[in-house]
Amino acid sequence: MRRPGAAGGPGGAQRPLRGGTHLNDVTLVAPCFTGGELVGWVANRAHHADLGGMAPGSMPPAAEEVFQEGLRVPPVLFAPEVEAVVVASSRTPGERRGDLDAQRGANVLGVDRLATLAGAPFDEVVAYGERRMRAALASIPDGRWCFEDVLDSAGPAPEQHTPTRIVVTLTVEGDVATFDFGGTDAQRPGNVNAVEAVTVSAVAFAVRSATDPTIPANGGAMRPVRVVAPPGTVVAALPRRPSGPATSR
């Protein structure tokens, strides 16, 4: 079971620092074997309505640290004892148990379907996504464009009411695009912070929307796209700060 958390330095695996949006996002990962050989992995992520914390919904606007938002569990084997902890931490335990059952079932189906693709040329599928994206980027004139916006506040407290700048510079050179968020303000004591994975996801969506949405949504499509998100900024938050609902927008 892989679950959100936000603590841990390089080499750690707690979420959402290593991916995911916020603590409500619970990720279950399962291996797929055929003939005793590992074919790949299936995973699904579900937003759970409540995982504890200082307010129902686990996204309290007044949170200044991630510990106030709810339960954090590092990547561990999804055993009954782990499920019991998740269920016991929620204000809606029956709903949590049902959602976890649904996620487990989704992975069972995913493993079955992935097994039918054993031996498929996955490398070529990914390479095809890269070729399509490079062709789309090459059709855009080379250039450099800058944009700046602000978050009005980081929470309800008066000291959180100062704006936070978000700056991005897009550079297109041939078939490569770079999104540089240098100049963005530091992470804030409030749940407006995004971890780097969320920023990369937002860039991926923007690129597909502005080029060709039919480009395969696989890792190859992002090979010619570079994202520079300075650690410790509101677009690449480091441990302890909340990563609440604003990161999902």
Protein backbone atom coordinates (compact mmCIF):
# COMPACT_ATOMS: atom_id res chain seq x y z
CA MET A 1 0.00 0.00 0.00
CA ARG A 2 1.34 3.41 -0.91
CA ARG A 3 -0.20 6.31 0.88
CA PRO A 4 0.32 10.05 1.03
CA GLY A 5 2.61 11.60 3.56
CA ALA A 6 4.84 14.62 3.45
CA ALA A 7 7.86 13.90 5.60
CA GLY A 8 11.21 12.47 4.72
CA GLY A 9 14.21 13.70 2.81
CA PRO A 10 15.89 12.44 -0.37
CA GLY A 11 15.49 8.72 -0.68
CA GLY A 12 12.33 8.70 1.38
CA ALA A 13 9.04 7.53 -0.03
CA GLN A 14 6.32 9.14 2.03
CA ARG A 15 3.58 11.02 0.23
CA PRO A 16 2.59 13.44 -1.13
CA LEU A 17 6.25 14.49 -1.22
CA ARG A 18 6.96 11.66 -3.68
CA GLY A 19 3.80 12.11 -5.71
CA GLY A 20 0.09 12.54 -5.25
CA THR A 21 -1.74 15.73 -4.42
CA HIS A 22 -2.54 15.71 -0.72
CA LEU A 23 -3.13 13.34 2.19
CA ASN A 24 -6.57 12.34 0.96
CA ASP A 25 -5.03 10.59 -2.03
CA VAL A 26 -4.53 6.92 -1.19
CA THR A 27 -2.53 4.88 -3.69
CA LEU A 28 -2.55 1.08 -3.92
CA VAL A 29 0.11 -0.63 -6.04
CA ALA A 30 0.18 -4.30 -7.08
CA PRO A 31 2.66 -6.41 -9.10
CA CYS A 32 1.66 -8.40 -12.16
CA PHE A 33 3.34 -11.76 -12.75
CA THR A 34 2.94 -14.17 -15.65
CA GLY A 35 4.77 -17.47 -15.66
CA GLY A 36 6.69 -16.40 -12.56
CA GLU A 37 8.04 -13.30 -14.32
CA LEU A 38 7.25 -9.73 -13.29
CA VAL A 39 5.45 -8.04 -16.20
CA GLY A 40 4.85 -4.71 -14.54
CA TRP A 41 2.84 -2.88 -11.91
CA VAL A 42 -0.71 -1.60 -11.69
CA ALA A 43 -1.77 1.22 -9.41
CA ASN A 44 -4.77 3.31 -8.62
CA ARG A 45 -5.16 6.44 -6.56
CA ALA A 46 -8.41 7.49 -4.91
CA HIS A 47 -9.34 10.64 -3.03
CA HIS A 48 -10.76 9.57 0.34
CA ALA A 49 -13.29 11.91 1.88
CA ASP A 50 -11.74 11.93 5.35
CA LEU A 51 -8.50 10.62 6.84
CA GLY A 52 -8.56 12.41 10.15
CA GLY A 53 -6.77 15.63 10.99
CA MET A 54 -8.02 18.78 12.67
CA ALA A 55 -11.16 19.17 10.53
CA PRO A 56 -13.58 16.91 8.62
CA GLY A 57 -12.40 16.33 5.09
CA SER A 58 -8.69 16.41 6.05
CA MET A 59 -8.09 19.69 4.19
CA PRO A 60 -8.36 22.30 6.97
CA PRO A 61 -7.76 25.79 5.60
CA ALA A 62 -6.15 26.83 8.89
CA ALA A 63 -3.48 24.10 8.74
CA GLU A 64 0.08 25.40 8.94
CA GLU A 65 1.76 21.96 9.06
CA VAL A 66 0.97 18.75 7.22
CA PHE A 67 0.52 16.96 10.55
CA GLN A 68 -2.72 18.89 11.03
CA GLU A 69 -4.21 17.56 7.80
CA GLY A 70 -4.54 13.88 8.64
CA LEU A 71 -3.05 10.41 8.61
CA ARG A 72 0.27 9.73 6.87
CA VAL A 73 1.47 6.20 6.14
CA PRO A 74 4.75 5.46 4.32
CA PRO A 75 4.82 2.82 1.58
CA VAL A 76 4.10 -0.48 3.33
CA LEU A 77 2.58 -3.84 2.54
CA PHE A 78 -1.20 -3.42 2.54
CA ALA A 79 -1.94 -5.80 5.41
CA PRO A 80 -5.17 -5.98 7.46
CA GLU A 81 -3.41 -4.13 10.28
CA VAL A 82 -2.65 -1.20 7.96
CA GLU A 83 -6.22 -1.10 6.73
CA ALA A 84 -7.39 -1.05 10.37
CA VAL A 85 -5.24 2.01 11.07
CA VAL A 86 -6.64 3.87 8.05
CA VAL A 87 -10.22 3.00 8.95
CA ALA A 88 -9.77 3.91 12.62
CA SER A 89 -8.28 7.30 11.70
CA SER A 90 -11.32 8.41 9.69
CA ARG A 91 -14.54 10.01 10.85
CA THR A 92 -16.34 7.82 8.30
CA PRO A 93 -14.75 4.38 8.87
CA GLY A 94 -17.32 2.35 6.94
CA GLU A 95 -16.88 4.52 3.88
CA ARG A 96 -13.10 4.19 4.13
CA ARG A 97 -13.31 0.41 4.26
CA GLY A 98 -15.57 0.36 1.22
CA ASP A 99 -13.29 2.66 -0.77
CA LEU A 100 -10.25 0.53 0.07
CA ASP A 101 -12.14 -2.58 -1.05
CA ALA A 102 -12.95 -0.83 -4.34
CA GLN A 103 -9.30 0.11 -4.85
CA ARG A 104 -8.19 -3.43 -4.13
CA GLY A 105 -10.70 -4.73 -6.66
CA ALA A 106 -9.53 -2.23 -9.27
CA ASN A 107 -5.99 -3.55 -8.95
CA VAL A 108 -7.16 -7.15 -9.29
CA LEU A 109 -8.83 -6.23 -12.58
CA GLY A 110 -5.77 -4.22 -13.63
CA VAL A 111 -3.43 -7.14 -13.01
CA ASP A 112 -5.66 -9.43 -15.10
CA ARG A 113 -5.72 -6.98 -18.00
CA LEU A 114 -2.00 -6.24 -17.86
CA ALA A 115 -1.25 -9.96 -17.91
CA THR A 116 -2.97 -10.22 -21.30
CA LEU A 117 -0.44 -7.70 -22.66
CA ALA A 118 2.63 -9.66 -21.57
CA GLY A 119 5.15 -9.56 -24.39
CA ALA A 120 3.70 -6.41 -25.95
CA PRO A 121 6.27 -3.89 -27.29
CA PHE A 122 5.90 -1.40 -24.42
CA ASP A 123 9.20 0.31 -25.29
CA GLU A 124 7.87 1.15 -28.73
CA VAL A 125 4.61 2.46 -27.29
CA VAL A 126 6.58 4.85 -25.08
CA ALA A 127 8.91 5.81 -27.94
CA TYR A 128 5.88 6.57 -30.11
CA GLY A 129 4.61 8.99 -27.46
CA GLU A 130 8.00 10.73 -27.48
CA ARG A 131 8.04 11.04 -31.29
CA ARG A 132 4.54 12.51 -31.31
CA MET A 133 5.39 15.10 -28.66
CA ARG A 134 8.65 16.09 -30.33
CA ALA A 135 6.83 16.59 -33.61
CA ALA A 136 4.20 18.74 -31.89
CA LEU A 137 6.83 20.90 -30.16
CA ALA A 138 8.82 21.27 -33.36
CA SER A 139 5.77 22.83 -35.00
CA ILE A 140 5.82 25.68 -32.44
CA PRO A 141 8.09 28.63 -33.27
CA ASP A 142 11.17 28.85 -31.09
CA GLY A 143 10.87 31.48 -28.40
CA ARG A 144 10.75 32.43 -24.75
CA TRP A 145 7.62 33.51 -22.89
CA CYS A 146 7.15 34.55 -19.25
CA PHE A 147 4.03 34.64 -17.09
CA GLU A 148 3.42 35.63 -13.49
CA ASP A 149 0.37 35.29 -11.24
CA VAL A 150 -0.34 35.36 -7.50
CA LEU A 151 -2.16 33.35 -4.87
CA ASP A 152 -4.10 35.86 -2.81
CA SER A 153 -3.45 34.19 0.53
CA ALA A 154 -2.29 30.98 2.18
CA GLY A 155 -5.04 30.67 4.80
CA PRO A 156 -7.49 32.49 7.09
CA ALA A 157 -4.98 33.94 9.59
CA PRO A 158 -4.02 37.60 9.09
CA GLU A 159 -0.35 36.70 8.71
CA GLN A 160 -1.31 34.38 5.82
CA HIS A 161 -2.96 37.15 3.81
CA THR A 162 0.10 38.20 1.83
CA PRO A 163 0.18 37.21 -1.85
CA THR A 164 2.42 34.45 -3.16
CA ARG A 165 3.99 34.87 -6.60
CA ILE A 166 4.07 32.03 -9.12
CA VAL A 167 6.42 32.67 -12.05
CA VAL A 168 7.01 30.46 -15.08
CA THR A 169 9.19 30.94 -18.13
CA LEU A 170 8.51 28.72 -21.14
CA THR A 171 11.34 28.22 -23.61
CA VAL A 172 10.84 26.28 -26.85
CA GLU A 173 13.95 25.24 -28.76
CA GLY A 174 13.38 22.89 -31.65
CA ASP A 175 11.55 19.84 -30.33
CA VAL A 176 12.24 20.54 -26.64
CA ALA A 177 10.25 22.70 -24.20
CA THR A 178 11.43 23.94 -20.80
CA PHE A 179 9.13 25.23 -18.07
CA ASP A 180 11.21 27.12 -15.52
CA PHE A 181 9.46 28.21 -12.30
CA GLY A 182 12.48 30.17 -11.05
CA GLY A 183 11.36 33.32 -9.25
CA THR A 184 8.36 31.63 -7.63
CA ASP A 185 7.93 32.47 -3.95
CA ALA A 186 8.86 30.16 -1.11
CA GLN A 187 6.38 27.61 0.27
CA ARG A 188 3.89 29.04 2.71
CA PRO A 189 2.55 27.99 6.15
CA GLY A 190 -0.83 27.07 4.68
CA ASN A 191 -2.38 24.44 2.43
CA VAL A 192 -1.63 26.14 -0.88
CA ASN A 193 1.64 24.33 -1.51
CA ALA A 194 2.16 21.91 -4.40
CA VAL A 195 4.75 19.17 -4.42
CA GLU A 196 6.92 18.84 -7.53
CA ALA A 197 4.92 15.88 -8.90
CA VAL A 198 1.78 18.04 -8.99
CA THR A 199 3.60 20.81 -10.84
CA VAL A 200 4.92 18.34 -13.41
CA SER A 201 1.41 16.93 -13.81
CA ALA A 202 0.01 20.42 -14.42
CA VAL A 203 2.69 21.08 -17.04
CA ALA A 204 1.90 17.77 -18.77
CA PHE A 205 -1.79 18.67 -18.95
CA ALA A 206 -1.02 22.16 -20.29
CA VAL A 207 1.34 20.82 -22.96
CA ARG A 208 -1.14 18.22 -24.18
CA SER A 209 -3.93 20.81 -24.24
CA ALA A 210 -1.85 23.30 -26.22
CA THR A 211 -0.42 20.78 -28.69
CA ASP A 212 -2.37 17.63 -29.50
CA PRO A 213 -4.57 15.90 -26.88
CA THR A 214 -4.38 12.67 -28.90
CA ILE A 215 -0.68 12.26 -28.06
CA PRO A 216 -0.40 9.12 -25.89
CA ALA A 217 -0.31 10.01 -22.21
CA ASN A 218 2.78 7.98 -21.36
CA GLY A 219 6.25 8.71 -20.04
CA GLY A 220 7.65 9.13 -23.54
CA ALA A 221 5.52 12.19 -24.16
CA MET A 222 7.29 14.01 -21.32
CA ARG A 223 10.84 13.16 -22.40
CA PRO A 224 11.20 16.35 -24.48
CA VAL A 225 9.58 18.47 -21.73
CA ARG A 226 11.80 19.78 -18.94
CA VAL A 227 10.34 21.15 -15.70
CA VAL A 228 12.49 23.27 -13.39
CA ALA A 229 10.77 23.65 -10.02
CA PRO A 230 13.07 25.08 -7.32
CA PRO A 231 12.85 23.01 -4.12
CA GLY A 232 11.22 24.78 -1.21
CA THR A 233 8.97 26.95 -3.35
CA VAL A 234 5.19 26.83 -3.49
CA VAL A 235 5.47 24.70 -6.66
CA ALA A 236 7.94 22.20 -5.13
CA ALA A 237 7.19 22.11 -1.42
CA LEU A 238 9.49 20.31 0.99
CA PRO A 239 8.45 18.42 4.16
CA ARG A 240 6.18 19.72 6.91
CA ARG A 241 4.13 22.30 5.00
CA PRO A 242 0.54 21.37 4.15
CA SER A 243 -0.36 20.40 0.60
CA GLY A 244 -4.10 20.85 0.62
CA PRO A 245 -6.87 21.53 -1.89
CA ALA A 246 -5.07 24.26 -3.80
CA THR A 247 -2.65 21.67 -5.15
CA SER A 248 -5.45 19.92 -6.98
CA ARG A 249 -6.24 22.94 -9.08
